[in-house]
Structures are given as structure tokens and as C-alpha cells.
């Protein structure tokens, strides 16, 4: 059986940093759009919003039936967050460490192979659009 590949674009943003914040998530399964959503998360920093985007995507993935071997490829435009998630950068902020722990617990619950990679903002426009769409509506 073929491996299912989920490409998950996430983004998070805050206006004011900290300020009103939101996340955007776009999920493709084997290159076909599976689901997308934007969600307001309250007042937060940009970095907290980036983590929350990953967390919200992992929570969504908990409910997706996965019959084959599968891989989750997370695509973010935050080099800092990707390097922290991959264990390359230390996290000094205690709140961000708590969010990283939440991500790691969710990873275990979801299973599969999970990877994080970074792209330029121009290659993450759909998730960025969802962030701004929900922030503009508030």
C-alpha cells in the first residue's frame, strides 16, 4: 500500500505583537485539498500564533482516519519555529517551551512520520491569507 502524504501549511500572526492573533491551516492529502481553516486565538505574539497553528493542525489530524502508513509534512514560513520544533534551536521563553511540549504530545497521539520544513512567505500564501481573513473579520 502507498504511503499517504499530508502536506500541512500552517501560519500564525498577531497584529501588535502581542495583539489580536489568528492561525491559518491548509491540509492536502496526496496533493488534493483535504481541509482548510482560519481561527482567531485571542491575544498572542507572532511566535505563539505560529506554534498554535501547528497545534490546531495536529488536533485536526487526530480525527482523520489514517489507514495506510502516513507522513505529515508541516510547511511554515517561520524559520525560528521550525528550528525549535526540529530541536536545532533552544527555547528560552517558558511559554514557548510549554507549546513545544504540547506539540510533542500531540505528535505521539497522531503517530506517523512528522517533519517540519520552512519556506519563504510567498510559498505559504494560502495559510497566510486565512490568518488575515479571520483577523480582518474581527
C-alpha atoms as a PDB file:
ATOM      1  CA  UNK A   1       0.000   0.000   0.000  1.00  0.00           C
ATOM      2  CA  UNK A   2       1.155   3.502  -0.807  1.00  0.00           C
ATOM      3  CA  UNK A   3       2.073   5.917   1.920  1.00  0.00           C
ATOM      4  CA  UNK A   4      -0.354   8.809   2.419  1.00  0.00           C
ATOM      5  CA  UNK A   5       1.378  12.182   2.440  1.00  0.00           C
ATOM      6  CA  UNK A   6      -0.313  15.066   4.221  1.00  0.00           C
ATOM      7  CA  UNK A   7       1.167  18.463   3.371  1.00  0.00           C
ATOM      8  CA  UNK A   8       0.109  20.866   6.094  1.00  0.00           C
ATOM      9  CA  UNK A   9       0.725  24.568   5.578  1.00  0.00           C
ATOM     10  CA  UNK A  10       0.333  26.492   8.812  1.00  0.00           C
ATOM     11  CA  UNK A  11       0.739  30.139   9.663  1.00  0.00           C
ATOM     12  CA  UNK A  12       0.125  32.337  12.633  1.00  0.00           C
ATOM     13  CA  UNK A  13       0.103  36.057  13.015  1.00  0.00           C
ATOM     14  CA  UNK A  14      -0.572  38.787  15.524  1.00  0.00           C
ATOM     15  CA  UNK A  15      -1.374  42.416  14.940  1.00  0.00           C
ATOM     16  CA  UNK A  16       0.538  44.362  17.540  1.00  0.00           C
ATOM     17  CA  UNK A  17       2.807  41.519  18.688  1.00  0.00           C
ATOM     18  CA  UNK A  18       1.281  40.839  21.139  1.00  0.00           C
ATOM     19  CA  UNK A  19      -2.140  41.650  19.841  1.00  0.00           C
ATOM     20  CA  UNK A  20      -5.167  40.051  18.235  1.00  0.00           C
ATOM     21  CA  UNK A  21      -3.889  36.781  16.776  1.00  0.00           C
ATOM     22  CA  UNK A  22      -5.053  34.021  14.454  1.00  0.00           C
ATOM     23  CA  UNK A  23      -3.895  30.853  12.731  1.00  0.00           C
ATOM     24  CA  UNK A  24      -4.382  29.504   9.243  1.00  0.00           C
ATOM     25  CA  UNK A  25      -4.145  25.836   8.266  1.00  0.00           C
ATOM     26  CA  UNK A  26      -4.298  24.283   4.781  1.00  0.00           C
ATOM     27  CA  UNK A  27      -4.114  20.474   4.569  1.00  0.00           C
ATOM     28  CA  UNK A  28      -3.544  18.486   1.385  1.00  0.00           C
ATOM     29  CA  UNK A  29      -3.671  14.692   1.285  1.00  0.00           C
ATOM     30  CA  UNK A  30      -1.699  13.228  -1.602  1.00  0.00           C
ATOM     31  CA  UNK A  31      -1.740  16.666  -3.290  1.00  0.00           C
ATOM     32  CA  UNK A  32      -5.523  17.106  -3.056  1.00  0.00           C
ATOM     33  CA  UNK A  33      -7.066  19.703  -0.772  1.00  0.00           C
ATOM     34  CA  UNK A  34      -8.483  17.942   2.276  1.00  0.00           C
ATOM     35  CA  UNK A  35      -9.392  20.827   4.595  1.00  0.00           C
ATOM     36  CA  UNK A  36      -8.551  24.426   5.428  1.00  0.00           C
ATOM     37  CA  UNK A  37      -9.477  26.761   8.227  1.00  0.00           C
ATOM     38  CA  UNK A  38      -8.614  30.004   9.935  1.00  0.00           C
ATOM     39  CA  UNK A  39      -9.225  30.601  13.610  1.00  0.00           C
ATOM     40  CA  UNK A  40      -8.861  33.546  15.986  1.00  0.00           C
ATOM     41  CA  UNK A  41      -6.819  32.561  19.041  1.00  0.00           C
ATOM     42  CA  UNK A  42      -7.099  35.713  21.171  1.00  0.00           C
ATOM     43  CA  UNK A  43      -4.204  37.954  22.147  1.00  0.00           C
ATOM     44  CA  UNK A  44      -0.773  36.469  21.424  1.00  0.00           C
ATOM     45  CA  UNK A  45       2.643  37.086  19.903  1.00  0.00           C
ATOM     46  CA  UNK A  46       3.565  36.042  16.374  1.00  0.00           C
ATOM     47  CA  UNK A  47       5.653  33.151  17.712  1.00  0.00           C
ATOM     48  CA  UNK A  48       2.847  31.865  19.926  1.00  0.00           C
ATOM     49  CA  UNK A  49       0.482  32.087  16.950  1.00  0.00           C
ATOM     50  CA  UNK A  50       2.910  30.074  14.785  1.00  0.00           C
ATOM     51  CA  UNK A  51       3.011  27.309  17.419  1.00  0.00           C
ATOM     52  CA  UNK A  52      -0.759  27.404  17.801  1.00  0.00           C
ATOM     53  CA  UNK A  53      -1.118  26.894  14.042  1.00  0.00           C
ATOM     54  CA  UNK A  54       0.824  23.631  14.320  1.00  0.00           C
ATOM     55  CA  UNK A  55      -1.167  22.620  17.415  1.00  0.00           C
ATOM     56  CA  UNK A  56      -4.531  23.290  15.753  1.00  0.00           C
ATOM     57  CA  UNK A  57      -3.453  21.280  12.690  1.00  0.00           C
ATOM     58  CA  UNK A  58      -2.323  18.340  14.850  1.00  0.00           C
ATOM     59  CA  UNK A  59      -5.613  18.418  16.752  1.00  0.00           C
ATOM     60  CA  UNK A  60      -7.484  18.295  13.445  1.00  0.00           C
ATOM     61  CA  UNK A  61      -5.326  15.392  12.261  1.00  0.00           C
ATOM     62  CA  UNK A  62      -6.275  13.373  15.352  1.00  0.00           C
ATOM     63  CA  UNK A  63      -9.757  12.957  13.891  1.00  0.00           C
ATOM     64  CA  UNK A  64      -8.701  11.973  10.368  1.00  0.00           C
ATOM     65  CA  UNK A  65      -8.896   8.234   9.583  1.00  0.00           C
ATOM     66  CA  UNK A  66      -5.473   7.014   8.520  1.00  0.00           C
ATOM     67  CA  UNK A  67      -5.477   3.516   7.017  1.00  0.00           C
ATOM     68  CA  UNK A  68      -2.050   3.425   5.354  1.00  0.00           C
ATOM     69  CA  UNK A  69       1.383   4.390   6.516  1.00  0.00           C
ATOM     70  CA  UNK A  70       1.391   8.157   6.531  1.00  0.00           C
ATOM     71  CA  UNK A  71       3.602  11.180   6.793  1.00  0.00           C
ATOM     72  CA  UNK A  72       2.761  14.692   7.936  1.00  0.00           C
ATOM     73  CA  UNK A  73       4.901  17.351   6.304  1.00  0.00           C
ATOM     74  CA  UNK A  74       4.401  20.658   8.071  1.00  0.00           C
ATOM     75  CA  UNK A  75       5.298  23.703   5.998  1.00  0.00           C
ATOM     76  CA  UNK A  76       5.769  27.001   7.841  1.00  0.00           C
ATOM     77  CA  UNK A  77       7.293  30.339   6.935  1.00  0.00           C
ATOM     78  CA  UNK A  78       8.847  30.785  10.399  1.00  0.00           C
ATOM     79  CA  UNK A  79      12.444  29.597  10.404  1.00  0.00           C
ATOM     80  CA  UNK A  80      12.632  30.143  14.179  1.00  0.00           C
ATOM     81  CA  UNK A  81       9.675  27.883  14.969  1.00  0.00           C
ATOM     82  CA  UNK A  82      10.758  25.170  12.505  1.00  0.00           C
ATOM     83  CA  UNK A  83      14.253  25.120  14.019  1.00  0.00           C
ATOM     84  CA  UNK A  84      12.786  24.912  17.529  1.00  0.00           C
ATOM     85  CA  UNK A  85      10.393  22.103  16.517  1.00  0.00           C
ATOM     86  CA  UNK A  86      13.292  20.206  14.929  1.00  0.00           C
ATOM     87  CA  UNK A  87      15.413  20.640  18.063  1.00  0.00           C
ATOM     88  CA  UNK A  88      18.076  22.824  16.421  1.00  0.00           C
ATOM     89  CA  UNK A  89      17.371  25.983  18.464  1.00  0.00           C
ATOM     90  CA  UNK A  90      16.977  26.222  22.212  1.00  0.00           C
ATOM     91  CA  UNK A  91      13.799  27.803  23.554  1.00  0.00           C
ATOM     92  CA  UNK A  92      14.368  30.414  26.242  1.00  0.00           C
ATOM     93  CA  UNK A  93      10.744  31.548  26.649  1.00  0.00           C
ATOM     94  CA  UNK A  94       8.906  29.290  29.113  1.00  0.00           C
ATOM     95  CA  UNK A  95       5.542  29.727  27.365  1.00  0.00           C
ATOM     96  CA  UNK A  96       7.031  28.617  24.032  1.00  0.00           C
ATOM     97  CA  UNK A  97       8.583  25.591  25.790  1.00  0.00           C
ATOM     98  CA  UNK A  98       5.089  24.667  27.039  1.00  0.00           C
ATOM     99  CA  UNK A  99       3.728  24.956  23.498  1.00  0.00           C
ATOM    100  CA  UNK A 100       6.563  22.769  22.191  1.00  0.00           C
ATOM    101  CA  UNK A 101       5.678  20.148  24.804  1.00  0.00           C
ATOM    102  CA  UNK A 102       2.041  20.267  23.676  1.00  0.00           C
ATOM    103  CA  UNK A 103       3.170  19.748  20.067  1.00  0.00           C
ATOM    104  CA  UNK A 104       5.312  16.751  21.047  1.00  0.00           C
ATOM    105  CA  UNK A 105       2.439  15.136  22.977  1.00  0.00           C
ATOM    106  CA  UNK A 106       0.074  15.635  20.038  1.00  0.00           C
ATOM    107  CA  UNK A 107       2.678  14.179  17.670  1.00  0.00           C
ATOM    108  CA  UNK A 108       2.677  10.978  19.722  1.00  0.00           C
ATOM    109  CA  UNK A 109      -1.118  10.789  19.648  1.00  0.00           C
ATOM    110  CA  UNK A 110      -1.336  11.394  15.883  1.00  0.00           C
ATOM    111  CA  UNK A 111       1.502   8.993  15.012  1.00  0.00           C
ATOM    112  CA  UNK A 112       3.105   8.590  11.610  1.00  0.00           C
ATOM    113  CA  UNK A 113       6.250  10.304  10.443  1.00  0.00           C
ATOM    114  CA  UNK A 114       6.166  14.033  11.156  1.00  0.00           C
ATOM    115  CA  UNK A 115       8.550  16.529   9.594  1.00  0.00           C
ATOM    116  CA  UNK A 116       8.809  20.305   9.742  1.00  0.00           C
ATOM    117  CA  UNK A 117      10.226  22.479   6.996  1.00  0.00           C
ATOM    118  CA  UNK A 118      10.364  26.165   6.247  1.00  0.00           C
ATOM    119  CA  UNK A 119       9.547  28.028   3.047  1.00  0.00           C
ATOM    120  CA  UNK A 120       9.563  31.694   2.084  1.00  0.00           C
ATOM    121  CA  UNK A 121       6.346  33.532   2.956  1.00  0.00           C
ATOM    122  CA  UNK A 122       5.481  33.678  -0.754  1.00  0.00           C
ATOM    123  CA  UNK A 123       5.156  29.879  -0.733  1.00  0.00           C
ATOM    124  CA  UNK A 124       2.795  29.899   2.251  1.00  0.00           C
ATOM    125  CA  UNK A 125       0.242  32.383   0.939  1.00  0.00           C
ATOM    126  CA  UNK A 126      -2.895  30.252   1.416  1.00  0.00           C
ATOM    127  CA  UNK A 127      -2.324  29.816   5.162  1.00  0.00           C
ATOM    128  CA  UNK A 128      -1.280  33.475   5.487  1.00  0.00           C
ATOM    129  CA  UNK A 129      -4.472  34.525   3.670  1.00  0.00           C
ATOM    130  CA  UNK A 130      -6.607  32.585   6.179  1.00  0.00           C
ATOM    131  CA  UNK A 131      -4.846  34.290   9.115  1.00  0.00           C
ATOM    132  CA  UNK A 132      -5.513  37.733   7.684  1.00  0.00           C
ATOM    133  CA  UNK A 133      -9.056  36.874   6.633  1.00  0.00           C
ATOM    134  CA  UNK A 134     -10.116  35.966  10.179  1.00  0.00           C
ATOM    135  CA  UNK A 135      -8.231  38.900  11.709  1.00  0.00           C
ATOM    136  CA  UNK A 136      -9.898  41.316   9.278  1.00  0.00           C
ATOM    137  CA  UNK A 137     -13.307  39.892  10.254  1.00  0.00           C
ATOM    138  CA  UNK A 138     -12.796  40.576  13.977  1.00  0.00           C
END
